[in-house]
Amino acid sequence: MPPVVPSFLIGLIAAPLVKKLGKPVLRGIVRTSVGLGIEVKRAVQEAGEQIQDLAAEATAELIAARMTHGTEHGTDTGAPRAGGETKATGKSRGAGPVPAKAH
């Protein structure tokens, strides 16, 4: 029958060893996790910027297509005119006197 070693003796021997080896391992795990988090943030930010660029390009293409379609058929696209005038009123917003409130 093998000799029985009390568990507290194993703990007394293993604790300093775990402390000495465990701290650098945990530090490496935390450092790697933080580095991965930063890389993921950067990748998400770049992807968001690319999506915004694509949306801006698509919007510009749609506007260009509507403008060329309107000029080909002689129709106005409803875009604001120079000087801030709109198609419906012919005046810029806020022009004219403001009526006084009656008390």
N, C-alpha and C. Protein backbone atom coordinates (compact mmCIF):
# COMPACT_ATOMS: atom_id res chain seq x y z
N MET A 1 0.85 -1.17 0.00
CA MET A 1 0.00 0.00 0.00
C MET A 1 0.90 1.24 0.00
N PRO A 2 0.59 2.23 -0.95
CA PRO A 2 1.43 3.42 -1.03
C PRO A 2 1.19 4.33 0.17
N PRO A 3 2.17 5.13 0.50
CA PRO A 3 2.00 6.02 1.64
C PRO A 3 0.97 7.12 1.33
N VAL A 4 0.21 7.50 2.30
CA VAL A 4 -0.82 8.51 2.15
C VAL A 4 -0.21 9.87 2.47
N VAL A 5 -0.34 10.80 1.52
CA VAL A 5 0.20 12.14 1.71
C VAL A 5 -0.99 13.06 2.01
N PRO A 6 -0.95 13.73 3.14
CA PRO A 6 -2.06 14.63 3.45
C PRO A 6 -2.17 15.74 2.39
N SER A 7 -3.42 16.15 2.06
CA SER A 7 -3.67 17.13 1.01
C SER A 7 -3.11 18.50 1.35
N PHE A 8 -3.05 18.85 2.62
CA PHE A 8 -2.51 20.17 2.97
C PHE A 8 -1.03 20.26 2.64
N LEU A 9 -0.30 19.12 2.68
CA LEU A 9 1.11 19.14 2.29
C LEU A 9 1.25 19.40 0.78
N ILE A 10 0.35 18.83 0.02
CA ILE A 10 0.36 19.08 -1.43
C ILE A 10 0.10 20.56 -1.68
N GLY A 11 -0.85 21.14 -0.95
CA GLY A 11 -1.16 22.56 -1.08
C GLY A 11 0.01 23.44 -0.70
N LEU A 12 0.73 23.07 0.36
CA LEU A 12 1.89 23.85 0.79
C LEU A 12 3.00 23.85 -0.26
N ILE A 13 3.14 22.77 -0.94
CA ILE A 13 4.18 22.67 -1.97
C ILE A 13 3.71 23.31 -3.27
N ALA A 14 2.45 23.11 -3.64
CA ALA A 14 1.95 23.58 -4.93
C ALA A 14 1.64 25.08 -4.95
N ALA A 15 1.27 25.67 -3.81
CA ALA A 15 0.86 27.07 -3.78
C ALA A 15 1.95 28.01 -4.28
N PRO A 16 3.17 27.95 -3.79
CA PRO A 16 4.20 28.86 -4.31
C PRO A 16 4.50 28.62 -5.79
N LEU A 17 4.43 27.35 -6.20
CA LEU A 17 4.70 27.03 -7.60
C LEU A 17 3.60 27.61 -8.51
N VAL A 18 2.36 27.47 -8.09
CA VAL A 18 1.24 28.02 -8.86
C VAL A 18 1.32 29.54 -8.90
N LYS A 19 1.69 30.14 -7.77
CA LYS A 19 1.79 31.60 -7.72
C LYS A 19 2.89 32.08 -8.67
N LYS A 20 4.01 31.38 -8.66
CA LYS A 20 5.15 31.78 -9.49
C LYS A 20 4.87 31.58 -10.98
N LEU A 21 4.20 30.51 -11.35
CA LEU A 21 3.91 30.23 -12.75
C LEU A 21 2.57 30.83 -13.20
N GLY A 22 1.63 30.92 -12.30
CA GLY A 22 0.28 31.38 -12.66
C GLY A 22 0.21 32.85 -12.98
N LYS A 23 0.96 33.67 -12.26
CA LYS A 23 0.90 35.11 -12.48
C LYS A 23 1.32 35.50 -13.89
N PRO A 24 2.46 35.01 -14.40
CA PRO A 24 2.82 35.35 -15.79
C PRO A 24 1.82 34.80 -16.82
N VAL A 25 1.27 33.62 -16.54
CA VAL A 25 0.30 33.04 -17.48
C VAL A 25 -0.96 33.91 -17.52
N LEU A 26 -1.47 34.29 -16.35
CA LEU A 26 -2.65 35.14 -16.29
C LEU A 26 -2.38 36.51 -16.92
N ARG A 27 -1.20 37.05 -16.66
CA ARG A 27 -0.83 38.34 -17.25
C ARG A 27 -0.84 38.24 -18.78
N GLY A 28 -0.31 37.16 -19.31
CA GLY A 28 -0.30 36.95 -20.76
C GLY A 28 -1.70 36.80 -21.32
N ILE A 29 -2.57 36.10 -20.60
CA ILE A 29 -3.95 35.93 -21.04
C ILE A 29 -4.66 37.28 -21.08
N VAL A 30 -4.49 38.08 -20.03
CA VAL A 30 -5.14 39.39 -19.97
C VAL A 30 -4.59 40.29 -21.07
N ARG A 31 -3.28 40.30 -21.26
CA ARG A 31 -2.67 41.15 -22.28
C ARG A 31 -3.17 40.76 -23.68
N THR A 32 -3.26 39.47 -23.93
CA THR A 32 -3.75 39.00 -25.23
C THR A 32 -5.22 39.38 -25.42
N SER A 33 -6.02 39.24 -24.36
CA SER A 33 -7.44 39.59 -24.45
C SER A 33 -7.63 41.07 -24.74
N VAL A 34 -6.87 41.91 -24.07
CA VAL A 34 -6.97 43.35 -24.31
C VAL A 34 -6.54 43.69 -25.73
N GLY A 35 -5.47 43.07 -26.19
CA GLY A 35 -5.01 43.29 -27.57
C GLY A 35 -6.05 42.88 -28.59
N LEU A 36 -6.69 41.73 -28.36
CA LEU A 36 -7.75 41.28 -29.27
C LEU A 36 -8.93 42.25 -29.25
N GLY A 37 -9.27 42.74 -28.07
CA GLY A 37 -10.37 43.69 -27.97
C GLY A 37 -10.09 44.96 -28.76
N ILE A 38 -8.87 45.44 -28.68
CA ILE A 38 -8.49 46.65 -29.44
C ILE A 38 -8.55 46.39 -30.93
N GLU A 39 -8.07 45.23 -31.36
CA GLU A 39 -8.11 44.89 -32.79
C GLU A 39 -9.54 44.75 -33.29
N VAL A 40 -10.41 44.16 -32.49
CA VAL A 40 -11.81 44.02 -32.89
C VAL A 40 -12.46 45.40 -32.99
N LYS A 41 -12.19 46.28 -32.04
CA LYS A 41 -12.72 47.65 -32.10
C LYS A 41 -12.28 48.35 -33.38
N ARG A 42 -11.01 48.21 -33.70
CA ARG A 42 -10.47 48.86 -34.90
C ARG A 42 -11.14 48.30 -36.16
N ALA A 43 -11.31 46.98 -36.20
CA ALA A 43 -11.93 46.35 -37.37
C ALA A 43 -13.38 46.79 -37.52
N VAL A 44 -14.12 46.89 -36.41
CA VAL A 44 -15.51 47.33 -36.46
C VAL A 44 -15.59 48.78 -36.92
N GLN A 45 -14.69 49.62 -36.45
CA GLN A 45 -14.67 51.03 -36.85
C GLN A 45 -14.40 51.15 -38.35
N GLU A 46 -13.44 50.40 -38.85
CA GLU A 46 -13.12 50.45 -40.28
C GLU A 46 -14.29 49.95 -41.11
N ALA A 47 -14.96 48.89 -40.65
CA ALA A 47 -16.12 48.37 -41.37
C ALA A 47 -17.24 49.41 -41.40
N GLY A 48 -17.44 50.10 -40.29
CA GLY A 48 -18.46 51.16 -40.25
C GLY A 48 -18.14 52.28 -41.21
N GLU A 49 -16.88 52.67 -41.29
CA GLU A 49 -16.48 53.72 -42.22
C GLU A 49 -16.70 53.28 -43.67
N GLN A 50 -16.40 52.02 -43.96
CA GLN A 50 -16.60 51.52 -45.32
C GLN A 50 -18.09 51.49 -45.68
N ILE A 51 -18.93 51.13 -44.71
CA ILE A 51 -20.37 51.12 -44.96
C ILE A 51 -20.86 52.54 -45.21
N GLN A 52 -20.36 53.50 -44.44
CA GLN A 52 -20.76 54.90 -44.66
C GLN A 52 -20.30 55.38 -46.04
N ASP A 53 -19.10 54.98 -46.46
CA ASP A 53 -18.61 55.36 -47.78
C ASP A 53 -19.51 54.77 -48.88
N LEU A 54 -19.88 53.49 -48.71
CA LEU A 54 -20.75 52.86 -49.70
C LEU A 54 -22.11 53.55 -49.76
N ALA A 55 -22.65 53.90 -48.61
CA ALA A 55 -23.94 54.58 -48.57
C ALA A 55 -23.84 55.94 -49.24
N ALA A 56 -22.76 56.67 -49.01
CA ALA A 56 -22.57 57.98 -49.64
C ALA A 56 -22.45 57.85 -51.16
N GLU A 57 -21.71 56.83 -51.61
CA GLU A 57 -21.57 56.62 -53.05
C GLU A 57 -22.90 56.26 -53.69
N ALA A 58 -23.66 55.40 -53.03
CA ALA A 58 -24.97 55.00 -53.57
C ALA A 58 -25.91 56.20 -53.63
N THR A 59 -25.90 57.03 -52.60
CA THR A 59 -26.73 58.23 -52.58
C THR A 59 -26.34 59.17 -53.71
N ALA A 60 -25.04 59.36 -53.90
CA ALA A 60 -24.57 60.24 -54.98
C ALA A 60 -24.99 59.70 -56.35
N GLU A 61 -24.91 58.39 -56.52
CA GLU A 61 -25.31 57.79 -57.80
C GLU A 61 -26.80 57.97 -58.04
N LEU A 62 -27.61 57.79 -56.99
CA LEU A 62 -29.06 57.98 -57.14
C LEU A 62 -29.39 59.43 -57.49
N ILE A 63 -28.75 60.36 -56.83
CA ILE A 63 -29.00 61.77 -57.12
C ILE A 63 -28.58 62.10 -58.55
N ALA A 64 -27.43 61.60 -58.96
CA ALA A 64 -26.96 61.85 -60.32
C ALA A 64 -27.92 61.24 -61.34
N ALA A 65 -28.41 60.03 -61.05
CA ALA A 65 -29.34 59.38 -61.97
C ALA A 65 -30.64 60.16 -62.06
N ARG A 66 -31.14 60.66 -60.95
CA ARG A 66 -32.38 61.43 -60.96
C ARG A 66 -32.20 62.75 -61.71
N MET A 67 -31.04 63.38 -61.53
CA MET A 67 -30.79 64.65 -62.21
C MET A 67 -30.69 64.44 -63.71
N THR A 68 -29.98 63.40 -64.15
CA THR A 68 -29.87 63.16 -65.59
C THR A 68 -31.20 62.73 -66.16
N HIS A 69 -31.98 61.96 -65.40
CA HIS A 69 -33.31 61.55 -65.86
C HIS A 69 -34.21 62.76 -66.01
N GLY A 70 -34.14 63.70 -65.07
CA GLY A 70 -34.96 64.91 -65.12
C GLY A 70 -34.58 65.82 -66.27
N THR A 71 -33.29 65.96 -66.57
CA THR A 71 -32.88 66.85 -67.66
C THR A 71 -33.15 66.22 -69.01
N GLU A 72 -33.13 64.90 -69.11
CA GLU A 72 -33.41 64.23 -70.37
C GLU A 72 -34.88 64.40 -70.77
N HIS A 73 -35.78 64.36 -69.80
CA HIS A 73 -37.21 64.43 -70.08
C HIS A 73 -37.80 65.81 -69.86
N GLY A 74 -36.96 66.78 -69.51
CA GLY A 74 -37.42 68.15 -69.35
C GLY A 74 -38.23 68.36 -68.08
N THR A 75 -38.09 67.51 -67.11
CA THR A 75 -38.81 67.69 -65.85
C THR A 75 -37.86 68.17 -64.79
N ASP A 76 -38.40 68.90 -63.84
CA ASP A 76 -37.60 69.41 -62.73
C ASP A 76 -37.54 68.33 -61.65
N THR A 77 -36.40 68.15 -61.05
CA THR A 77 -36.24 67.11 -60.04
C THR A 77 -36.69 67.55 -58.66
N GLY A 78 -37.09 68.79 -58.51
CA GLY A 78 -37.53 69.27 -57.21
C GLY A 78 -36.38 69.71 -56.34
N ALA A 79 -35.19 69.79 -56.91
CA ALA A 79 -34.04 70.23 -56.14
C ALA A 79 -34.17 71.72 -55.87
N PRO A 80 -33.66 72.20 -54.74
CA PRO A 80 -33.76 73.63 -54.43
C PRO A 80 -33.04 74.46 -55.48
N ARG A 81 -33.61 75.62 -55.77
CA ARG A 81 -33.00 76.52 -56.74
C ARG A 81 -31.98 77.41 -56.06
N ALA A 82 -31.20 78.10 -56.86
CA ALA A 82 -30.19 79.00 -56.31
C ALA A 82 -30.88 80.11 -55.53
N GLY A 83 -30.29 80.53 -54.45
CA GLY A 83 -30.85 81.60 -53.64
C GLY A 83 -31.81 81.10 -52.59
N GLY A 84 -31.93 79.80 -52.41
CA GLY A 84 -32.78 79.25 -51.38
C GLY A 84 -34.24 79.19 -51.74
N GLU A 85 -34.60 79.50 -53.00
CA GLU A 85 -36.00 79.46 -53.40
C GLU A 85 -36.42 78.01 -53.64
N THR A 86 -37.65 77.74 -53.36
CA THR A 86 -38.18 76.41 -53.63
C THR A 86 -39.15 76.49 -54.80
N LYS A 87 -39.51 75.37 -55.36
CA LYS A 87 -40.37 75.30 -56.52
C LYS A 87 -41.78 75.81 -56.21
N ALA A 88 -42.30 75.48 -55.03
CA ALA A 88 -43.69 75.78 -54.71
C ALA A 88 -43.92 77.27 -54.45
N THR A 89 -43.13 77.93 -53.65
CA THR A 89 -43.42 79.29 -53.24
C THR A 89 -42.68 80.34 -54.04
N GLY A 90 -41.48 80.05 -54.47
CA GLY A 90 -40.69 81.03 -55.18
C GLY A 90 -40.03 82.02 -54.24
N LYS A 91 -40.24 81.88 -52.94
CA LYS A 91 -39.63 82.75 -51.94
C LYS A 91 -38.85 81.89 -50.97
N SER A 92 -37.86 82.51 -50.35
CA SER A 92 -37.13 81.78 -49.34
C SER A 92 -37.95 81.77 -48.06
N ARG A 93 -37.71 80.80 -47.25
CA ARG A 93 -38.45 80.61 -46.01
C ARG A 93 -38.23 81.79 -45.07
N GLY A 94 -39.27 82.23 -44.43
CA GLY A 94 -39.15 83.28 -43.44
C GLY A 94 -39.22 84.68 -44.03
N ALA A 95 -39.44 84.81 -45.32
CA ALA A 95 -39.49 86.13 -45.94
C ALA A 95 -40.85 86.77 -45.62
N GLY A 96 -40.86 88.06 -45.44
CA GLY A 96 -42.11 88.78 -45.22
C GLY A 96 -42.32 89.09 -43.75
N PRO A 97 -43.28 89.96 -43.49
CA PRO A 97 -43.54 90.37 -42.10
C PRO A 97 -44.23 89.25 -41.32
N VAL A 98 -44.01 89.28 -40.02
CA VAL A 98 -44.61 88.30 -39.14
C VAL A 98 -45.83 88.96 -38.51
N PRO A 99 -47.03 88.36 -38.60
CA PRO A 99 -48.22 88.98 -38.01
C PRO A 99 -48.10 89.04 -36.49
N ALA A 100 -48.60 90.13 -35.90
CA ALA A 100 -48.56 90.30 -34.45
C ALA A 100 -49.69 89.50 -33.81
N LYS A 101 -49.43 89.04 -32.59
CA LYS A 101 -50.45 88.29 -31.86
C LYS A 101 -51.46 89.25 -31.27
N ALA A 102 -52.72 88.89 -31.34
CA ALA A 102 -53.78 89.72 -30.73
C ALA A 102 -54.00 89.25 -29.30
N HIS A 103 -54.11 90.20 -28.38
CA HIS A 103 -54.33 89.84 -26.97
C HIS A 103 -55.74 90.04 -26.58
